[in-house]
Amino acid sequence: MISSAMLAIGLSAVMSAYGTASSLEAHQERVTQALHLAEARMEELLLMYPDDADLAVATYVGTGFKADGTPTTTSPLFTVGWAVGPGPVARIRRLEVKVTWAEPRGAQQLVLVSHRS
């Protein structure tokens, strides 16, 4: 009887640990995808000509992306937006790329910041 109780406690602990690990793995997968999307947008902004319209000082509404990173306009998992502001010195702009997504524990976001001329 005691050994059955110990077995039940052990199995419940293993199942609880598995659920937690599975949840963390799903979160890390989304963070990795969000980082990939943010880096891609930041690289695009850094490679644009200085007088490009997307580099005017403003906040830009983002593009929606599916879980695999393809753009979509219907029920996106990720939204990528960016803001351009004045930098710390003249002729330098501050770029901020923000990726947002929803998870069971609430809204999540990842932000990358850089500067360019």
C-alpha atoms as a PDB file:
ATOM      1  CA  MET A   1       0.000   0.000   0.000  1.00  0.00           C
ATOM      2  CA  ILE A   2       2.773   2.424   0.926  1.00  0.00           C
ATOM      3  CA  SER A   3       4.717   1.561  -2.220  1.00  0.00           C
ATOM      4  CA  SER A   4       1.610   2.245  -4.351  1.00  0.00           C
ATOM      5  CA  ALA A   5       1.226   5.666  -2.721  1.00  0.00           C
ATOM      6  CA  MET A   6       4.904   6.448  -3.328  1.00  0.00           C
ATOM      7  CA  LEU A   7       4.557   5.346  -6.957  1.00  0.00           C
ATOM      8  CA  ALA A   8       1.501   7.582  -7.402  1.00  0.00           C
ATOM      9  CA  ILE A   9       3.335  10.564  -5.885  1.00  0.00           C
ATOM     10  CA  GLY A  10       6.348   9.941  -8.125  1.00  0.00           C
ATOM     11  CA  LEU A  11       4.233   9.643 -11.256  1.00  0.00           C
ATOM     12  CA  SER A  12       2.310  12.808 -10.446  1.00  0.00           C
ATOM     13  CA  ALA A  13       5.591  14.702  -9.940  1.00  0.00           C
ATOM     14  CA  VAL A  14       6.921  13.457 -13.303  1.00  0.00           C
ATOM     15  CA  MET A  15       3.696  14.437 -15.078  1.00  0.00           C
ATOM     16  CA  SER A  16       3.764  17.892 -13.471  1.00  0.00           C
ATOM     17  CA  ALA A  17       7.394  18.402 -14.526  1.00  0.00           C
ATOM     18  CA  TYR A  18       6.562  17.281 -18.066  1.00  0.00           C
ATOM     19  CA  GLY A  19       3.705  19.806 -18.300  1.00  0.00           C
ATOM     20  CA  THR A  20       5.932  22.622 -17.093  1.00  0.00           C
ATOM     21  CA  ALA A  21       8.758  21.678 -19.470  1.00  0.00           C
ATOM     22  CA  SER A  22       6.330  21.479 -22.382  1.00  0.00           C
ATOM     23  CA  SER A  23       4.936  24.934 -21.578  1.00  0.00           C
ATOM     24  CA  LEU A  24       8.428  26.440 -21.310  1.00  0.00           C
ATOM     25  CA  GLU A  25       9.445  24.843 -24.614  1.00  0.00           C
ATOM     26  CA  ALA A  26       6.440  26.385 -26.385  1.00  0.00           C
ATOM     27  CA  HIS A  27       7.256  29.802 -24.871  1.00  0.00           C
ATOM     28  CA  GLN A  28      10.902  29.596 -25.940  1.00  0.00           C
ATOM     29  CA  GLU A  29       9.869  28.597 -29.451  1.00  0.00           C
ATOM     30  CA  ARG A  30       7.702  31.722 -29.705  1.00  0.00           C
ATOM     31  CA  VAL A  31      10.455  33.939 -28.278  1.00  0.00           C
ATOM     32  CA  THR A  32      12.891  32.555 -30.854  1.00  0.00           C
ATOM     33  CA  GLN A  33      10.465  33.210 -33.709  1.00  0.00           C
ATOM     34  CA  ALA A  34       9.759  36.728 -32.374  1.00  0.00           C
ATOM     35  CA  LEU A  35      13.492  37.441 -32.215  1.00  0.00           C
ATOM     36  CA  HIS A  36      13.905  36.248 -35.802  1.00  0.00           C
ATOM     37  CA  LEU A  37      11.088  38.551 -36.977  1.00  0.00           C
ATOM     38  CA  ALA A  38      12.465  41.529 -35.011  1.00  0.00           C
ATOM     39  CA  GLU A  39      16.000  41.014 -36.331  1.00  0.00           C
ATOM     40  CA  ALA A  40      14.746  40.736 -39.914  1.00  0.00           C
ATOM     41  CA  ARG A  41      12.792  44.008 -39.636  1.00  0.00           C
ATOM     42  CA  MET A  42      15.696  45.776 -37.930  1.00  0.00           C
ATOM     43  CA  GLU A  43      18.069  44.684 -40.695  1.00  0.00           C
ATOM     44  CA  GLU A  44      15.632  46.017 -43.308  1.00  0.00           C
ATOM     45  CA  LEU A  45      15.493  49.368 -41.514  1.00  0.00           C
ATOM     46  CA  LEU A  46      19.273  49.558 -41.161  1.00  0.00           C
ATOM     47  CA  LEU A  47      19.787  48.852 -44.872  1.00  0.00           C
ATOM     48  CA  MET A  48      17.293  51.472 -46.141  1.00  0.00           C
ATOM     49  CA  TYR A  49      18.367  54.744 -47.707  1.00  0.00           C
ATOM     50  CA  PRO A  50      18.411  57.564 -45.132  1.00  0.00           C
ATOM     51  CA  ASP A  51      15.552  59.411 -46.892  1.00  0.00           C
ATOM     52  CA  ASP A  52      13.237  56.369 -47.089  1.00  0.00           C
ATOM     53  CA  ALA A  53       9.656  57.044 -45.946  1.00  0.00           C
ATOM     54  CA  ASP A  54       9.845  54.189 -43.390  1.00  0.00           C
ATOM     55  CA  LEU A  55      12.615  56.073 -41.588  1.00  0.00           C
ATOM     56  CA  ALA A  56      10.650  59.277 -40.962  1.00  0.00           C
ATOM     57  CA  VAL A  57      10.228  60.052 -37.260  1.00  0.00           C
ATOM     58  CA  ALA A  58       6.965  58.276 -36.405  1.00  0.00           C
ATOM     59  CA  THR A  59       5.432  55.091 -34.995  1.00  0.00           C
ATOM     60  CA  TYR A  60       4.485  52.499 -37.595  1.00  0.00           C
ATOM     61  CA  VAL A  61       1.693  49.953 -37.280  1.00  0.00           C
ATOM     62  CA  GLY A  62       3.027  46.475 -37.620  1.00  0.00           C
ATOM     63  CA  THR A  63       2.633  43.605 -40.004  1.00  0.00           C
ATOM     64  CA  GLY A  64       1.007  40.372 -38.877  1.00  0.00           C
ATOM     65  CA  PHE A  65       2.821  37.043 -39.136  1.00  0.00           C
ATOM     66  CA  LYS A  66       1.812  33.415 -38.746  1.00  0.00           C
ATOM     67  CA  ALA A  67       3.703  31.039 -36.437  1.00  0.00           C
ATOM     68  CA  ASP A  68       5.992  30.002 -39.314  1.00  0.00           C
ATOM     69  CA  GLY A  69       6.966  33.612 -40.038  1.00  0.00           C
ATOM     70  CA  THR A  70       4.907  34.164 -43.185  1.00  0.00           C
ATOM     71  CA  PRO A  71       2.996  37.451 -43.435  1.00  0.00           C
ATOM     72  CA  THR A  72      -0.769  37.340 -42.958  1.00  0.00           C
ATOM     73  CA  THR A  73      -3.663  39.748 -42.604  1.00  0.00           C
ATOM     74  CA  THR A  74      -6.040  37.307 -40.879  1.00  0.00           C
ATOM     75  CA  SER A  75      -5.539  36.325 -37.225  1.00  0.00           C
ATOM     76  CA  PRO A  76      -1.758  36.736 -36.954  1.00  0.00           C
ATOM     77  CA  LEU A  77       0.167  35.163 -34.082  1.00  0.00           C
ATOM     78  CA  PHE A  78       2.885  37.858 -34.138  1.00  0.00           C
ATOM     79  CA  THR A  79       2.638  41.586 -34.856  1.00  0.00           C
ATOM     80  CA  VAL A  80       5.808  43.488 -35.794  1.00  0.00           C
ATOM     81  CA  GLY A  81       5.813  47.285 -35.490  1.00  0.00           C
ATOM     82  CA  TRP A  82       8.537  49.889 -35.268  1.00  0.00           C
ATOM     83  CA  ALA A  83       9.142  53.433 -34.180  1.00  0.00           C
ATOM     84  CA  VAL A  84      11.680  55.956 -35.402  1.00  0.00           C
ATOM     85  CA  GLY A  85      12.704  58.777 -33.117  1.00  0.00           C
ATOM     86  CA  PRO A  86      15.467  61.313 -32.755  1.00  0.00           C
ATOM     87  CA  GLY A  87      18.792  59.876 -31.677  1.00  0.00           C
ATOM     88  CA  PRO A  88      21.246  61.050 -29.043  1.00  0.00           C
ATOM     89  CA  VAL A  89      23.076  63.350 -31.489  1.00  0.00           C
ATOM     90  CA  ALA A  90      22.159  65.280 -34.626  1.00  0.00           C
ATOM     91  CA  ARG A  91      21.489  63.263 -37.807  1.00  0.00           C
ATOM     92  CA  ILE A  92      21.162  60.000 -35.855  1.00  0.00           C
ATOM     93  CA  ARG A  93      17.818  58.229 -35.511  1.00  0.00           C
ATOM     94  CA  ARG A  94      16.725  55.781 -32.849  1.00  0.00           C
ATOM     95  CA  LEU A  95      15.045  52.647 -34.230  1.00  0.00           C
ATOM     96  CA  GLU A  96      12.838  50.475 -32.045  1.00  0.00           C
ATOM     97  CA  VAL A  97      11.303  47.261 -33.375  1.00  0.00           C
ATOM     98  CA  LYS A  98       8.616  45.639 -31.216  1.00  0.00           C
ATOM     99  CA  VAL A  99       7.139  42.166 -31.705  1.00  0.00           C
ATOM    100  CA  THR A 100       4.007  41.283 -29.733  1.00  0.00           C
ATOM    101  CA  TRP A 101       2.140  37.993 -29.374  1.00  0.00           C
ATOM    102  CA  ALA A 102      -0.370  36.348 -27.059  1.00  0.00           C
ATOM    103  CA  GLU A 103       0.263  33.389 -24.775  1.00  0.00           C
ATOM    104  CA  PRO A 104      -1.926  31.705 -22.135  1.00  0.00           C
ATOM    105  CA  ARG A 105      -0.178  33.761 -19.420  1.00  0.00           C
ATOM    106  CA  GLY A 106      -0.901  37.038 -21.237  1.00  0.00           C
ATOM    107  CA  ALA A 107       0.520  39.351 -23.861  1.00  0.00           C
ATOM    108  CA  GLN A 108       4.246  39.074 -24.527  1.00  0.00           C
ATOM    109  CA  GLN A 109       6.617  41.417 -26.334  1.00  0.00           C
ATOM    110  CA  LEU A 110      10.194  41.566 -27.514  1.00  0.00           C
ATOM    111  CA  VAL A 111      11.893  44.916 -28.268  1.00  0.00           C
ATOM    112  CA  LEU A 112      15.103  45.608 -30.207  1.00  0.00           C
ATOM    113  CA  VAL A 113      16.681  49.082 -30.249  1.00  0.00           C
ATOM    114  CA  SER A 114      19.394  50.440 -32.539  1.00  0.00           C
ATOM    115  CA  HIS A 115      20.640  53.755 -33.937  1.00  0.00           C
ATOM    116  CA  ARG A 116      21.456  54.786 -37.491  1.00  0.00           C
ATOM    117  CA  SER A 117      22.219  57.892 -39.508  1.00  0.00           C
END
